[in-house]
PDB file of N, CA and C in Angstrom:
ATOM      1  N   MET A   1     -13.289 -27.526  12.121  1.00  0.00           N
ATOM      2  CA  MET A   1     -13.485 -26.833  10.896  1.00  0.00           C
ATOM      3  C   MET A   1     -13.171 -27.730   9.615  1.00  0.00           C
ATOM      4  N   SER A   2     -13.828 -28.033   8.686  1.00  0.00           N
ATOM      5  CA  SER A   2     -13.496 -29.099   7.776  1.00  0.00           C
ATOM      6  C   SER A   2     -12.734 -28.166   6.663  1.00  0.00           C
ATOM      7  N   THR A   3     -11.874 -29.052   5.805  1.00  0.00           N
ATOM      8  CA  THR A   3     -11.046 -28.463   4.874  1.00  0.00           C
ATOM      9  C   THR A   3     -11.892 -27.319   3.980  1.00  0.00           C
ATOM     10  N   LYS A   4     -12.968 -27.965   3.599  1.00  0.00           N
ATOM     11  CA  LYS A   4     -13.894 -27.055   2.718  1.00  0.00           C
ATOM     12  C   LYS A   4     -14.124 -25.664   3.276  1.00  0.00           C
ATOM     13  N   GLU A   5     -14.642 -25.459   4.658  1.00  0.00           N
ATOM     14  CA  GLU A   5     -14.844 -24.382   5.354  1.00  0.00           C
ATOM     15  C   GLU A   5     -13.574 -23.434   5.338  1.00  0.00           C
ATOM     16  N   ALA A   6     -12.386 -24.059   5.644  1.00  0.00           N
ATOM     17  CA  ALA A   6     -11.251 -23.458   5.657  1.00  0.00           C
ATOM     18  C   ALA A   6     -10.946 -22.849   4.349  1.00  0.00           C
ATOM     19  N   THR A   7     -11.015 -23.455   3.200  1.00  0.00           N
ATOM     20  CA  THR A   7     -10.789 -22.995   1.934  1.00  0.00           C
ATOM     21  C   THR A   7     -11.731 -21.934   1.461  1.00  0.00           C
ATOM     22  N   GLU A   8     -13.090 -21.863   1.824  1.00  0.00           N
ATOM     23  CA  GLU A   8     -14.044 -20.943   1.652  1.00  0.00           C
ATOM     24  C   GLU A   8     -13.717 -19.645   2.299  1.00  0.00           C
ATOM     25  N   THR A   9     -13.231 -19.725   3.697  1.00  0.00           N
ATOM     26  CA  THR A   9     -12.914 -18.407   4.351  1.00  0.00           C
ATOM     27  C   THR A   9     -11.597 -17.725   3.950  1.00  0.00           C
ATOM     28  N   HIS A  10     -10.679 -18.391   3.565  1.00  0.00           N
ATOM     29  CA  HIS A  10      -9.377 -17.911   3.179  1.00  0.00           C
ATOM     30  C   HIS A  10      -8.583 -18.833   1.999  1.00  0.00           C
ATOM     31  N   VAL A  11      -8.611 -18.403   0.776  1.00  0.00           N
ATOM     32  CA  VAL A  11      -8.016 -19.016  -0.084  1.00  0.00           C
ATOM     33  C   VAL A  11      -6.281 -18.743  -0.118  1.00  0.00           C
ATOM     34  N   LEU A  12      -5.713 -20.016   0.027  1.00  0.00           N
ATOM     35  CA  LEU A  12      -4.213 -19.909   0.139  1.00  0.00           C
ATOM     36  C   LEU A  12      -3.756 -18.885  -0.908  1.00  0.00           C
ATOM     37  N   GLY A  13      -2.808 -18.081  -0.563  1.00  0.00           N
ATOM     38  CA  GLY A  13      -2.318 -17.056  -1.416  1.00  0.00           C
ATOM     39  C   GLY A  13      -3.301 -15.911  -1.843  1.00  0.00           C
ATOM     40  N   GLY A  14      -4.606 -16.040  -1.463  1.00  0.00           N
ATOM     41  CA  GLY A  14      -5.543 -15.066  -1.763  1.00  0.00           C
ATOM     42  C   GLY A  14      -5.648 -14.025  -0.621  1.00  0.00           C
ATOM     43  N   TRP A  15      -6.304 -12.868  -0.894  1.00  0.00           N
ATOM     44  CA  TRP A  15      -6.616 -11.999   0.078  1.00  0.00           C
ATOM     45  C   TRP A  15      -7.837 -12.107   0.821  1.00  0.00           C
ATOM     46  N   SER A  16      -7.920 -11.944   2.109  1.00  0.00           N
ATOM     47  CA  SER A  16      -9.055 -12.068   2.748  1.00  0.00           C
ATOM     48  C   SER A  16     -10.056 -11.035   2.528  1.00  0.00           C
ATOM     49  N   ALA A  17     -11.287 -11.067   3.054  1.00  0.00           N
ATOM     50  CA  ALA A  17     -12.278 -10.126   2.914  1.00  0.00           C
ATOM     51  C   ALA A  17     -11.791  -8.940   3.815  1.00  0.00           C
ATOM     52  N   TYR A  18     -12.175  -7.866   3.668  1.00  0.00           N
ATOM     53  CA  TYR A  18     -11.999  -6.745   4.482  1.00  0.00           C
ATOM     54  C   TYR A  18     -12.568  -6.892   5.891  1.00  0.00           C
ATOM     55  N   HIS A  19     -12.002  -6.708   6.933  1.00  0.00           N
ATOM     56  CA  HIS A  19     -12.644  -6.932   8.308  1.00  0.00           C
ATOM     57  C   HIS A  19     -12.132  -5.818   9.121  1.00  0.00           C
ATOM     58  N   LYS A  20     -12.760  -5.702  10.490  1.00  0.00           N
ATOM     59  CA  LYS A  20     -12.283  -4.767  11.635  1.00  0.00           C
ATOM     60  C   LYS A  20     -10.867  -5.216  11.892  1.00  0.00           C
ATOM     61  N   LEU A  21     -10.150  -4.227  12.268  1.00  0.00           N
ATOM     62  CA  LEU A  21      -8.757  -4.367  12.775  1.00  0.00           C
ATOM     63  C   LEU A  21      -8.793  -5.119  14.140  1.00  0.00           C
ATOM     64  N   THR A  22      -7.803  -6.014  14.258  1.00  0.00           N
ATOM     65  CA  THR A  22      -7.555  -6.708  15.653  1.00  0.00           C
ATOM     66  C   THR A  22      -6.500  -5.815  16.235  1.00  0.00           C
ATOM     67  N   PRO A  23      -6.192  -6.023  17.452  1.00  0.00           N
ATOM     68  CA  PRO A  23      -5.016  -5.293  18.069  1.00  0.00           C
ATOM     69  C   PRO A  23      -3.842  -5.598  17.283  1.00  0.00           C
ATOM     70  N   GLU A  24      -3.472  -6.775  16.974  1.00  0.00           N
ATOM     71  CA  GLU A  24      -2.236  -7.123  16.302  1.00  0.00           C
ATOM     72  C   GLU A  24      -2.206  -6.318  14.994  1.00  0.00           C
ATOM     73  N   ASP A  25      -3.367  -6.393  14.231  1.00  0.00           N
ATOM     74  CA  ASP A  25      -3.309  -5.462  13.013  1.00  0.00           C
ATOM     75  C   ASP A  25      -2.995  -4.066  13.209  1.00  0.00           C
ATOM     76  N   ARG A  26      -3.563  -3.561  14.375  1.00  0.00           N
ATOM     77  CA  ARG A  26      -3.244  -2.166  14.730  1.00  0.00           C
ATOM     78  C   ARG A  26      -1.820  -1.890  14.869  1.00  0.00           C
ATOM     79  N   LYS A  27      -1.241  -2.822  15.692  1.00  0.00           N
ATOM     80  CA  LYS A  27       0.357  -2.926  16.102  1.00  0.00           C
ATOM     81  C   LYS A  27       1.173  -2.798  14.677  1.00  0.00           C
ATOM     82  N   VAL A  28       0.725  -3.650  13.935  1.00  0.00           N
ATOM     83  CA  VAL A  28       1.525  -3.749  12.661  1.00  0.00           C
ATOM     84  C   VAL A  28       1.461  -2.258  11.800  1.00  0.00           C
ATOM     85  N   PHE A  29       0.205  -1.873  11.956  1.00  0.00           N
ATOM     86  CA  PHE A  29       0.052  -0.526  11.285  1.00  0.00           C
ATOM     87  C   PHE A  29       0.847   0.644  11.782  1.00  0.00           C
ATOM     88  N   ASP A  30       0.567   0.586  13.224  1.00  0.00           N
ATOM     89  CA  ASP A  30       1.402   1.693  13.829  1.00  0.00           C
ATOM     90  C   ASP A  30       2.898   1.700  13.851  1.00  0.00           C
ATOM     91  N   GLU A  31       3.434   0.366  13.868  1.00  0.00           N
ATOM     92  CA  GLU A  31       4.879   0.225  13.686  1.00  0.00           C
ATOM     93  C   GLU A  31       5.490   0.614  12.312  1.00  0.00           C
ATOM     94  N   ALA A  32       4.513   0.217  11.315  1.00  0.00           N
ATOM     95  CA  ALA A  32       5.067   0.506  10.061  1.00  0.00           C
ATOM     96  C   ALA A  32       5.089   2.075   9.642  1.00  0.00           C
ATOM     97  N   MET A  33       3.976   2.746  10.069  1.00  0.00           N
ATOM     98  CA  MET A  33       3.654   4.181   9.876  1.00  0.00           C
ATOM     99  C   MET A  33       4.490   4.991  11.019  1.00  0.00           C
ATOM    100  N   HIS A  34       5.282   4.401  11.804  1.00  0.00           N
ATOM    101  CA  HIS A  34       5.971   5.286  12.834  1.00  0.00           C
ATOM    102  C   HIS A  34       6.990   6.171  12.162  1.00  0.00           C
ATOM    103  N   GLY A  35       6.778   7.319  12.443  1.00  0.00           N
ATOM    104  CA  GLY A  35       7.719   8.569  11.908  1.00  0.00           C
ATOM    105  C   GLY A  35       7.345   9.078  10.634  1.00  0.00           C
ATOM    106  N   PHE A  36       6.138   8.476   9.976  1.00  0.00           N
ATOM    107  CA  PHE A  36       5.532   9.056   8.897  1.00  0.00           C
ATOM    108  C   PHE A  36       4.893  10.382   9.096  1.00  0.00           C
ATOM    109  N   VAL A  37       5.239  11.367   8.166  1.00  0.00           N
ATOM    110  CA  VAL A  37       4.698  12.792   8.515  1.00  0.00           C
ATOM    111  C   VAL A  37       4.071  13.221   7.313  1.00  0.00           C
ATOM    112  N   GLY A  38       3.025  14.269   7.471  1.00  0.00           N
ATOM    113  CA  GLY A  38       2.364  14.792   6.399  1.00  0.00           C
ATOM    114  C   GLY A  38       0.934  14.299   6.597  1.00  0.00           C
ATOM    115  N   VAL A  39       0.521  13.430   5.527  1.00  0.00           N
ATOM    116  CA  VAL A  39      -0.803  12.701   5.592  1.00  0.00           C
ATOM    117  C   VAL A  39      -1.079  12.064   6.909  1.00  0.00           C
ATOM    118  N   LYS A  40      -2.255  12.233   7.314  1.00  0.00           N
ATOM    119  CA  LYS A  40      -2.642  11.330   8.614  1.00  0.00           C
ATOM    120  C   LYS A  40      -3.592  10.295   7.926  1.00  0.00           C
ATOM    121  N   TYR A  41      -3.096   9.046   8.365  1.00  0.00           N
ATOM    122  CA  TYR A  41      -4.025   7.755   7.953  1.00  0.00           C
ATOM    123  C   TYR A  41      -4.594   7.218   8.992  1.00  0.00           C
ATOM    124  N   ASN A  42      -6.031   7.078   8.966  1.00  0.00           N
ATOM    125  CA  ASN A  42      -6.633   6.360  10.009  1.00  0.00           C
ATOM    126  C   ASN A  42      -7.176   4.965   9.493  1.00  0.00           C
ATOM    127  N   PRO A  43      -6.787   3.766   9.851  1.00  0.00           N
ATOM    128  CA  PRO A  43      -7.299   2.391   9.367  1.00  0.00           C
ATOM    129  C   PRO A  43      -8.573   2.149   9.849  1.00  0.00           C
ATOM    130  N   ILE A  44      -9.610   1.971   8.997  1.00  0.00           N
ATOM    131  CA  ILE A  44     -10.909   1.389   9.295  1.00  0.00           C
ATOM    132  C   ILE A  44     -11.204   0.127   9.166  1.00  0.00           C
ATOM    133  N   ALA A  45     -10.335  -0.616   8.179  1.00  0.00           N
ATOM    134  CA  ALA A  45     -10.692  -2.115   7.734  1.00  0.00           C
ATOM    135  C   ALA A  45      -9.356  -2.565   7.379  1.00  0.00           C
ATOM    136  N   VAL A  46      -9.102  -3.945   7.181  1.00  0.00           N
ATOM    137  CA  VAL A  46      -7.917  -4.499   6.676  1.00  0.00           C
ATOM    138  C   VAL A  46      -8.153  -5.822   6.158  1.00  0.00           C
ATOM    139  N   SER A  47      -7.442  -6.065   5.144  1.00  0.00           N
ATOM    140  CA  SER A  47      -7.410  -7.332   4.371  1.00  0.00           C
ATOM    141  C   SER A  47      -5.826  -7.971   4.461  1.00  0.00           C
ATOM    142  N   THR A  48      -5.888  -9.311   4.618  1.00  0.00           N
ATOM    143  CA  THR A  48      -4.530  -9.833   4.602  1.00  0.00           C
ATOM    144  C   THR A  48      -4.440 -10.984   3.738  1.00  0.00           C
ATOM    145  N   GLN A  49      -3.117 -11.173   3.316  1.00  0.00           N
ATOM    146  CA  GLN A  49      -2.665 -12.202   2.490  1.00  0.00           C
ATOM    147  C   GLN A  49      -1.502 -12.958   3.045  1.00  0.00           C
ATOM    148  N   VAL A  50      -1.458 -14.211   3.281  1.00  0.00           N
ATOM    149  CA  VAL A  50      -0.342 -14.886   3.850  1.00  0.00           C
ATOM    150  C   VAL A  50       0.650 -15.206   2.566  1.00  0.00           C
ATOM    151  N   VAL A  51       1.736 -14.829   2.805  1.00  0.00           N
ATOM    152  CA  VAL A  51       3.012 -15.093   1.933  1.00  0.00           C
ATOM    153  C   VAL A  51       3.904 -15.443   2.745  1.00  0.00           C
ATOM    154  N   ALA A  52       5.342 -15.345   2.419  1.00  0.00           N
ATOM    155  CA  ALA A  52       6.455 -15.556   3.224  1.00  0.00           C
ATOM    156  C   ALA A  52       6.565 -14.370   4.160  1.00  0.00           C
ATOM    157  N   GLY A  53       5.612 -14.343   5.071  1.00  0.00           N
ATOM    158  CA  GLY A  53       5.137 -13.241   6.079  1.00  0.00           C
ATOM    159  C   GLY A  53       3.675 -12.979   5.866  1.00  0.00           C
ATOM    160  N   MET A  54       3.546 -11.562   5.917  1.00  0.00           N
ATOM    161  CA  MET A  54       1.987 -11.250   5.760  1.00  0.00           C
ATOM    162  C   MET A  54       1.973  -9.877   5.053  1.00  0.00           C
ATOM    163  N   ASN A  55       1.191  -9.939   4.144  1.00  0.00           N
ATOM    164  CA  ASN A  55       0.850  -8.612   3.349  1.00  0.00           C
ATOM    165  C   ASN A  55      -0.542  -8.090   3.841  1.00  0.00           C
ATOM    166  N   TYR A  56      -0.549  -6.748   4.240  1.00  0.00           N
ATOM    167  CA  TYR A  56      -1.825  -5.993   4.681  1.00  0.00           C
ATOM    168  C   TYR A  56      -2.205  -4.847   3.576  1.00  0.00           C
ATOM    169  N   ARG A  57      -3.497  -4.812   3.469  1.00  0.00           N
ATOM    170  CA  ARG A  57      -4.220  -3.633   2.914  1.00  0.00           C
ATOM    171  C   ARG A  57      -5.088  -3.132   3.881  1.00  0.00           C
ATOM    172  N   PHE A  58      -4.572  -2.137   4.346  1.00  0.00           N
ATOM    173  CA  PHE A  58      -5.417  -1.224   5.373  1.00  0.00           C
ATOM    174  C   PHE A  58      -6.373  -0.089   4.597  1.00  0.00           C
ATOM    175  N   LYS A  59      -7.524  -0.193   4.622  1.00  0.00           N
ATOM    176  CA  LYS A  59      -8.550   0.897   3.968  1.00  0.00           C
ATOM    177  C   LYS A  59      -8.427   1.955   5.067  1.00  0.00           C
ATOM    178  N   CYS A  60      -8.083   3.125   4.565  1.00  0.00           N
ATOM    179  CA  CYS A  60      -7.931   4.338   5.675  1.00  0.00           C
ATOM    180  C   CYS A  60      -8.670   5.382   5.176  1.00  0.00           C
ATOM    181  N   GLU A  61      -9.039   6.331   6.208  1.00  0.00           N
ATOM    182  CA  GLU A  61      -9.482   7.639   5.931  1.00  0.00           C
ATOM    183  C   GLU A  61      -8.170   8.468   6.175  1.00  0.00           C
ATOM    184  N   ALA A  62      -8.200   9.385   5.102  1.00  0.00           N
ATOM    185  CA  ALA A  62      -6.895  10.022   5.158  1.00  0.00           C
ATOM    186  C   ALA A  62      -7.311  11.606   4.945  1.00  0.00           C
ATOM    187  N   SER A  63      -6.323  12.312   5.787  1.00  0.00           N
ATOM    188  CA  SER A  63      -6.505  13.848   5.678  1.00  0.00           C
ATOM    189  C   SER A  63      -5.066  14.571   5.889  1.00  0.00           C
ATOM    190  N   MET A  64      -5.016  15.758   5.630  1.00  0.00           N
ATOM    191  CA  MET A  64      -3.678  16.403   5.795  1.00  0.00           C
ATOM    192  C   MET A  64      -4.046  17.789   6.630  1.00  0.00           C
ATOM    193  N   PRO A  65      -3.790  17.417   8.075  1.00  0.00           N
ATOM    194  CA  PRO A  65      -4.154  18.591   9.104  1.00  0.00           C
ATOM    195  C   PRO A  65      -3.349  19.851   8.595  1.00  0.00           C
ATOM    196  N   PRO A  66      -3.977  20.931   8.758  1.00  0.00           N
ATOM    197  CA  PRO A  66      -5.291  21.317   9.474  1.00  0.00           C
ATOM    198  C   PRO A  66      -6.360  21.066   8.695  1.00  0.00           C
ATOM    199  N   SER A  67      -6.426  20.910   7.399  1.00  0.00           N
ATOM    200  CA  SER A  67      -7.645  20.937   6.338  1.00  0.00           C
ATOM    201  C   SER A  67      -8.573  19.879   7.040  1.00  0.00           C
ATOM    202  N   ASP A  68      -9.755  20.098   6.675  1.00  0.00           N
ATOM    203  CA  ASP A  68     -10.948  19.362   7.004  1.00  0.00           C
ATOM    204  C   ASP A  68     -11.262  18.198   6.051  1.00  0.00           C
ATOM    205  N   VAL A  69     -10.769  18.192   4.962  1.00  0.00           N
ATOM    206  CA  VAL A  69     -10.925  17.460   3.529  1.00  0.00           C
ATOM    207  C   VAL A  69     -10.438  15.776   3.978  1.00  0.00           C
ATOM    208  N   ILE A  70     -11.439  15.018   3.753  1.00  0.00           N
ATOM    209  CA  ILE A  70     -11.052  13.701   3.985  1.00  0.00           C
ATOM    210  C   ILE A  70     -11.248  12.926   2.853  1.00  0.00           C
ATOM    211  N   TRP A  71     -10.281  11.825   2.599  1.00  0.00           N
ATOM    212  CA  TRP A  71     -10.446  10.970   1.362  1.00  0.00           C
ATOM    213  C   TRP A  71     -10.132   9.555   1.840  1.00  0.00           C
ATOM    214  N   GLU A  72     -10.387   8.687   1.090  1.00  0.00           N
ATOM    215  CA  GLU A  72      -9.904   7.115   1.282  1.00  0.00           C
ATOM    216  C   GLU A  72      -8.640   6.964   0.700  1.00  0.00           C
ATOM    217  N   ALA A  73      -8.045   5.923   1.417  1.00  0.00           N
ATOM    218  CA  ALA A  73      -6.593   5.504   0.860  1.00  0.00           C
ATOM    219  C   ALA A  73      -6.452   4.032   1.141  1.00  0.00           C
ATOM    220  N   ILE A  74      -5.728   3.364   0.320  1.00  0.00           N
ATOM    221  CA  ILE A  74      -5.311   1.991   0.764  1.00  0.00           C
ATOM    222  C   ILE A  74      -3.683   1.970   1.180  1.00  0.00           C
ATOM    223  N   VAL A  75      -3.297   1.603   2.205  1.00  0.00           N
ATOM    224  CA  VAL A  75      -2.053   1.805   2.868  1.00  0.00           C
ATOM    225  C   VAL A  75      -1.544   0.068   2.878  1.00  0.00           C
ATOM    226  N   GLU A  76      -0.618  -0.151   1.964  1.00  0.00           N
ATOM    227  CA  GLU A  76      -0.135  -1.475   1.952  1.00  0.00           C
ATOM    228  C   GLU A  76       1.039  -1.685   2.574  1.00  0.00           C
ATOM    229  N   ILE A  77       1.173  -2.670   3.466  1.00  0.00           N
ATOM    230  CA  ILE A  77       2.277  -2.899   4.313  1.00  0.00           C
ATOM    231  C   ILE A  77       2.696  -4.406   4.237  1.00  0.00           C
ATOM    232  N   PHE A  78       3.882  -4.596   4.281  1.00  0.00           N
ATOM    233  CA  PHE A  78       4.523  -6.173   4.226  1.00  0.00           C
ATOM    234  C   PHE A  78       5.094  -6.206   5.745  1.00  0.00           C
ATOM    235  N   LYS A  79       4.792  -7.338   6.314  1.00  0.00           N
ATOM    236  CA  LYS A  79       5.381  -7.796   7.518  1.00  0.00           C
ATOM    237  C   LYS A  79       6.197  -9.149   7.350  1.00  0.00           C
ATOM    238  N   PRO A  80       7.540  -9.020   7.325  1.00  0.00           N
ATOM    239  CA  PRO A  80       8.296 -10.350   7.058  1.00  0.00           C
ATOM    240  C   PRO A  80       8.055 -11.258   8.272  1.00  0.00           C
ATOM    241  N   LEU A  81       8.678 -12.366   7.984  1.00  0.00           N
ATOM    242  CA  LEU A  81       8.620 -13.487   9.158  1.00  0.00           C
ATOM    243  C   LEU A  81       9.622 -12.937  10.250  1.00  0.00           C
ATOM    244  N   ASN A  82      10.648 -12.459   9.905  1.00  0.00           N
ATOM    245  CA  ASN A  82      11.639 -11.813  11.019  1.00  0.00           C
ATOM    246  C   ASN A  82      11.861 -10.410  10.439  1.00  0.00           C
ATOM    247  N   GLY A  83      11.440  -9.347  11.290  1.00  0.00           N
ATOM    248  CA  GLY A  83      11.818  -8.038  11.120  1.00  0.00           C
ATOM    249  C   GLY A  83      10.566  -7.190  11.294  1.00  0.00           C
ATOM    250  N   ALA A  84      10.772  -5.896  11.083  1.00  0.00           N
ATOM    251  CA  ALA A  84       9.816  -4.908  11.245  1.00  0.00           C
ATOM    252  C   ALA A  84       8.809  -4.750  10.001  1.00  0.00           C
ATOM    253  N   PRO A  85       7.573  -4.576  10.154  1.00  0.00           N
ATOM    254  CA  PRO A  85       6.635  -4.227   9.087  1.00  0.00           C
ATOM    255  C   PRO A  85       7.089  -2.954   8.517  1.00  0.00           C
ATOM    256  N   TYR A  86       6.781  -2.855   7.151  1.00  0.00           N
ATOM    257  CA  TYR A  86       7.118  -1.575   6.483  1.00  0.00           C
ATOM    258  C   TYR A  86       6.035  -1.411   5.236  1.00  0.00           C
ATOM    259  N   VAL A  87       6.043  -0.083   5.067  1.00  0.00           N
ATOM    260  CA  VAL A  87       4.997   0.391   4.012  1.00  0.00           C
ATOM    261  C   VAL A  87       5.525   0.032   2.422  1.00  0.00           C
ATOM    262  N   THR A  88       4.684  -0.572   1.708  1.00  0.00           N
ATOM    263  CA  THR A  88       5.091  -0.938   0.399  1.00  0.00           C
ATOM    264  C   THR A  88       4.468  -0.114  -0.663  1.00  0.00           C
ATOM    265  N   GLY A  89       3.193   0.468  -0.330  1.00  0.00           N
ATOM    266  CA  GLY A  89       2.708   1.490  -1.163  1.00  0.00           C
ATOM    267  C   GLY A  89       1.334   2.009  -0.608  1.00  0.00           C
ATOM    268  N   ILE A  90       1.003   3.183  -1.125  1.00  0.00           N
ATOM    269  CA  ILE A  90      -0.127   4.082  -0.727  1.00  0.00           C
ATOM    270  C   ILE A  90      -0.973   4.520  -1.976  1.00  0.00           C
ATOM    271  N   VAL A  91      -2.103   3.976  -2.142  1.00  0.00           N
ATOM    272  CA  VAL A  91      -3.122   4.503  -3.188  1.00  0.00           C
ATOM    273  C   VAL A  91      -4.232   5.210  -2.678  1.00  0.00           C
ATOM    274  N   ARG A  92      -4.360   6.443  -3.235  1.00  0.00           N
ATOM    275  CA  ARG A  92      -5.443   7.345  -2.983  1.00  0.00           C
ATOM    276  C   ARG A  92      -6.656   6.731  -3.889  1.00  0.00           C
ATOM    277  N   LEU A  93      -7.731   6.697  -3.191  1.00  0.00           N
ATOM    278  CA  LEU A  93      -9.166   6.038  -3.839  1.00  0.00           C
ATOM    279  C   LEU A  93      -9.929   7.203  -4.355  1.00  0.00           C
TER     280      LEU A  93
END
């Protein structure tokens, strides 16, 4: 891959386009959301940003069981170079 191609697909410090979750993305989401109660978040796409670690923006379908009402939300997670990922914000769309 040329430098030009690498720059076009992922700008340094910039966010990637939203894409389907990889198994690693799902693992980060599940680990950060472990023990979270109340609203149920189901990730459907993710965008990432390389920093001193990795920032994630998970586009999710959200619901509060037993209600059938579903809305969209962005769950923001930071995974440091060393340590467990954690939620940094949740925005209802």
